[in-house]
Amino acid sequence: MSSPTTNDAEALALAALAATLTDERRAQRFLDLTGLDADELRARAGERRLLAATLAFLEAHEPDLIEVSKLLNVKPELLVAARSELER
Protein backbone atom coordinates (compact mmCIF):
# COMPACT_ATOMS: atom_id res chain seq x y z
CA MET A 1 0.00 0.00 0.00
CA SER A 2 1.39 3.39 -0.91
CA SER A 3 1.61 6.18 1.61
CA PRO A 4 -1.00 8.92 1.34
CA THR A 5 0.09 12.37 0.20
CA THR A 6 0.17 15.11 2.80
CA ASN A 7 -3.14 16.57 1.55
CA ASP A 8 -4.75 13.12 1.55
CA ALA A 9 -3.39 12.43 5.04
CA GLU A 10 -4.76 15.73 6.34
CA ALA A 11 -8.18 15.13 4.79
CA LEU A 12 -8.29 11.59 6.17
CA ALA A 13 -7.20 12.74 9.62
CA LEU A 14 -9.85 15.48 9.65
CA ALA A 15 -12.47 12.87 8.77
CA ALA A 16 -11.10 10.63 11.53
CA LEU A 17 -11.28 13.52 14.00
CA ALA A 18 -14.91 14.13 13.06
CA ALA A 19 -15.66 10.41 13.42
CA THR A 20 -13.88 10.34 16.77
CA LEU A 21 -16.08 13.14 18.02
CA THR A 22 -19.33 11.48 16.90
CA ASP A 23 -19.02 8.88 19.66
CA GLU A 24 -19.54 10.48 23.07
CA ARG A 25 -17.36 7.99 24.97
CA ARG A 26 -14.51 8.18 22.46
CA ALA A 27 -14.77 11.98 22.22
CA GLN A 28 -14.60 12.41 25.98
CA ARG A 29 -11.61 10.08 26.26
CA PHE A 30 -9.87 12.02 23.46
CA LEU A 31 -10.50 15.35 25.20
CA ASP A 32 -9.40 13.93 28.56
CA LEU A 33 -6.18 12.50 27.14
CA THR A 34 -5.25 15.59 25.11
CA GLY A 35 -6.28 18.12 27.74
CA LEU A 36 -8.10 20.11 25.06
CA ASP A 37 -11.49 21.68 25.49
CA ALA A 38 -14.05 21.97 22.70
CA ASP A 39 -13.10 25.57 21.79
CA GLU A 40 -9.39 24.79 21.59
CA LEU A 41 -10.12 21.69 19.56
CA ARG A 42 -12.14 23.73 17.05
CA ALA A 43 -9.39 26.35 16.82
CA ARG A 44 -6.65 23.78 16.21
CA ALA A 45 -8.53 21.18 14.14
CA GLY A 46 -6.49 21.86 10.99
CA GLU A 47 -3.06 21.63 12.62
CA ARG A 48 -0.93 18.72 11.43
CA ARG A 49 0.24 17.99 14.95
CA LEU A 50 -3.31 17.67 16.27
CA LEU A 51 -4.36 15.58 13.28
CA ALA A 52 -1.42 13.22 13.81
CA ALA A 53 -2.28 13.03 17.53
CA THR A 54 -5.86 12.11 16.64
CA LEU A 55 -4.66 9.20 14.53
CA ALA A 56 -2.17 8.14 17.21
CA PHE A 57 -5.04 8.20 19.73
CA LEU A 58 -7.01 5.83 17.52
CA GLU A 59 -3.99 3.56 17.00
CA ALA A 60 -3.53 3.28 20.76
CA HIS A 61 -6.95 1.62 21.11
CA GLU A 62 -7.48 -0.88 18.31
CA PRO A 63 -11.29 -1.12 18.68
CA ASP A 64 -11.54 2.63 18.05
CA LEU A 65 -9.12 2.42 15.12
CA ILE A 66 -11.20 -0.32 13.55
CA GLU A 67 -14.51 1.39 14.24
CA VAL A 68 -13.38 4.72 12.77
CA SER A 69 -11.82 3.01 9.75
CA LYS A 70 -15.17 1.31 9.11
CA LEU A 71 -17.00 4.62 9.45
CA LEU A 72 -14.61 6.14 6.91
CA ASN A 73 -14.68 3.07 4.67
CA VAL A 74 -10.87 2.73 4.68
CA LYS A 75 -8.47 0.10 5.95
CA PRO A 76 -6.99 0.78 9.41
CA GLU A 77 -3.54 0.64 7.81
CA LEU A 78 -4.38 3.76 5.82
CA LEU A 79 -5.03 5.69 9.03
CA VAL A 80 -1.67 4.50 10.38
CA ALA A 81 0.07 5.55 7.15
CA ALA A 82 -1.64 8.94 7.31
CA ARG A 83 -0.31 9.48 10.83
CA SER A 84 3.17 8.62 9.66
CA GLU A 85 2.87 11.11 6.78
CA LEU A 86 1.63 13.87 9.09
CA GLU A 87 4.52 13.31 11.50
CA ARG A 88 7.14 13.89 8.79
C-alpha atoms as a PDB file:
ATOM      1  CA  MET A   1       0.000   0.000   0.000  1.00  0.00           C
ATOM      2  CA  SER A   2       1.386   3.394  -0.915  1.00  0.00           C
ATOM      3  CA  SER A   3       1.609   6.178   1.606  1.00  0.00           C
ATOM      4  CA  PRO A   4      -1.004   8.918   1.344  1.00  0.00           C
ATOM      5  CA  THR A   5       0.088  12.370   0.202  1.00  0.00           C
ATOM      6  CA  THR A   6       0.165  15.110   2.801  1.00  0.00           C
ATOM      7  CA  ASN A   7      -3.136  16.566   1.555  1.00  0.00           C
ATOM      8  CA  ASP A   8      -4.746  13.118   1.553  1.00  0.00           C
ATOM      9  CA  ALA A   9      -3.392  12.433   5.042  1.00  0.00           C
ATOM     10  CA  GLU A  10      -4.755  15.729   6.341  1.00  0.00           C
ATOM     11  CA  ALA A  11      -8.177  15.125   4.790  1.00  0.00           C
ATOM     12  CA  LEU A  12      -8.290  11.588   6.170  1.00  0.00           C
ATOM     13  CA  ALA A  13      -7.204  12.743   9.618  1.00  0.00           C
ATOM     14  CA  LEU A  14      -9.855  15.484   9.649  1.00  0.00           C
ATOM     15  CA  ALA A  15     -12.473  12.874   8.768  1.00  0.00           C
ATOM     16  CA  ALA A  16     -11.098  10.630  11.530  1.00  0.00           C
ATOM     17  CA  LEU A  17     -11.276  13.522  13.996  1.00  0.00           C
ATOM     18  CA  ALA A  18     -14.908  14.132  13.062  1.00  0.00           C
ATOM     19  CA  ALA A  19     -15.663  10.408  13.419  1.00  0.00           C
ATOM     20  CA  THR A  20     -13.884  10.336  16.767  1.00  0.00           C
ATOM     21  CA  LEU A  21     -16.080  13.140  18.020  1.00  0.00           C
ATOM     22  CA  THR A  22     -19.328  11.479  16.900  1.00  0.00           C
ATOM     23  CA  ASP A  23     -19.021   8.877  19.655  1.00  0.00           C
ATOM     24  CA  GLU A  24     -19.536  10.480  23.073  1.00  0.00           C
ATOM     25  CA  ARG A  25     -17.356   7.985  24.972  1.00  0.00           C
ATOM     26  CA  ARG A  26     -14.513   8.176  22.464  1.00  0.00           C
ATOM     27  CA  ALA A  27     -14.771  11.980  22.221  1.00  0.00           C
ATOM     28  CA  GLN A  28     -14.599  12.414  25.984  1.00  0.00           C
ATOM     29  CA  ARG A  29     -11.606  10.078  26.262  1.00  0.00           C
ATOM     30  CA  PHE A  30      -9.865  12.017  23.464  1.00  0.00           C
ATOM     31  CA  LEU A  31     -10.502  15.349  25.201  1.00  0.00           C
ATOM     32  CA  ASP A  32      -9.399  13.927  28.558  1.00  0.00           C
ATOM     33  CA  LEU A  33      -6.180  12.499  27.142  1.00  0.00           C
ATOM     34  CA  THR A  34      -5.253  15.587  25.115  1.00  0.00           C
ATOM     35  CA  GLY A  35      -6.283  18.119  27.736  1.00  0.00           C
ATOM     36  CA  LEU A  36      -8.102  20.109  25.060  1.00  0.00           C
ATOM     37  CA  ASP A  37     -11.491  21.681  25.492  1.00  0.00           C
ATOM     38  CA  ALA A  38     -14.048  21.970  22.698  1.00  0.00           C
ATOM     39  CA  ASP A  39     -13.100  25.569  21.791  1.00  0.00           C
ATOM     40  CA  GLU A  40      -9.391  24.794  21.592  1.00  0.00           C
ATOM     41  CA  LEU A  41     -10.121  21.691  19.558  1.00  0.00           C
ATOM     42  CA  ARG A  42     -12.139  23.725  17.050  1.00  0.00           C
ATOM     43  CA  ALA A  43      -9.393  26.345  16.820  1.00  0.00           C
ATOM     44  CA  ARG A  44      -6.648  23.776  16.207  1.00  0.00           C
ATOM     45  CA  ALA A  45      -8.528  21.184  14.141  1.00  0.00           C
ATOM     46  CA  GLY A  46      -6.494  21.855  10.991  1.00  0.00           C
ATOM     47  CA  GLU A  47      -3.058  21.631  12.622  1.00  0.00           C
ATOM     48  CA  ARG A  48      -0.935  18.716  11.426  1.00  0.00           C
ATOM     49  CA  ARG A  49       0.244  17.988  14.954  1.00  0.00           C
ATOM     50  CA  LEU A  50      -3.307  17.670  16.265  1.00  0.00           C
ATOM     51  CA  LEU A  51      -4.357  15.583  13.276  1.00  0.00           C
ATOM     52  CA  ALA A  52      -1.421  13.219  13.811  1.00  0.00           C
ATOM     53  CA  ALA A  53      -2.279  13.034  17.528  1.00  0.00           C
ATOM     54  CA  THR A  54      -5.858  12.114  16.637  1.00  0.00           C
ATOM     55  CA  LEU A  55      -4.664   9.198  14.530  1.00  0.00           C
ATOM     56  CA  ALA A  56      -2.170   8.138  17.213  1.00  0.00           C
ATOM     57  CA  PHE A  57      -5.041   8.204  19.733  1.00  0.00           C
ATOM     58  CA  LEU A  58      -7.007   5.831  17.523  1.00  0.00           C
ATOM     59  CA  GLU A  59      -3.991   3.565  16.995  1.00  0.00           C
ATOM     60  CA  ALA A  60      -3.534   3.283  20.758  1.00  0.00           C
ATOM     61  CA  HIS A  61      -6.950   1.620  21.111  1.00  0.00           C
ATOM     62  CA  GLU A  62      -7.479  -0.882  18.311  1.00  0.00           C
ATOM     63  CA  PRO A  63     -11.287  -1.123  18.684  1.00  0.00           C
ATOM     64  CA  ASP A  64     -11.536   2.628  18.048  1.00  0.00           C
ATOM     65  CA  LEU A  65      -9.119   2.416  15.118  1.00  0.00           C
ATOM     66  CA  ILE A  66     -11.198  -0.324  13.548  1.00  0.00           C
ATOM     67  CA  GLU A  67     -14.512   1.394  14.241  1.00  0.00           C
ATOM     68  CA  VAL A  68     -13.375   4.719  12.769  1.00  0.00           C
ATOM     69  CA  SER A  69     -11.824   3.008   9.748  1.00  0.00           C
ATOM     70  CA  LYS A  70     -15.172   1.308   9.115  1.00  0.00           C
ATOM     71  CA  LEU A  71     -17.000   4.624   9.446  1.00  0.00           C
ATOM     72  CA  LEU A  72     -14.610   6.143   6.906  1.00  0.00           C
ATOM     73  CA  ASN A  73     -14.676   3.066   4.673  1.00  0.00           C
ATOM     74  CA  VAL A  74     -10.870   2.730   4.679  1.00  0.00           C
ATOM     75  CA  LYS A  75      -8.472   0.102   5.952  1.00  0.00           C
ATOM     76  CA  PRO A  76      -6.986   0.781   9.407  1.00  0.00           C
ATOM     77  CA  GLU A  77      -3.540   0.639   7.810  1.00  0.00           C
ATOM     78  CA  LEU A  78      -4.376   3.758   5.815  1.00  0.00           C
ATOM     79  CA  LEU A  79      -5.027   5.689   9.029  1.00  0.00           C
ATOM     80  CA  VAL A  80      -1.668   4.495  10.376  1.00  0.00           C
ATOM     81  CA  ALA A  81       0.067   5.548   7.154  1.00  0.00           C
ATOM     82  CA  ALA A  82      -1.637   8.942   7.307  1.00  0.00           C
ATOM     83  CA  ARG A  83      -0.308   9.480  10.831  1.00  0.00           C
ATOM     84  CA  SER A  84       3.173   8.624   9.657  1.00  0.00           C
ATOM     85  CA  GLU A  85       2.871  11.113   6.777  1.00  0.00           C
ATOM     86  CA  LEU A  86       1.635  13.867   9.087  1.00  0.00           C
ATOM     87  CA  GLU A  87       4.521  13.315  11.500  1.00  0.00           C
ATOM     88  CA  ARG A  88       7.144  13.895   8.793  1.00  0.00           C
END
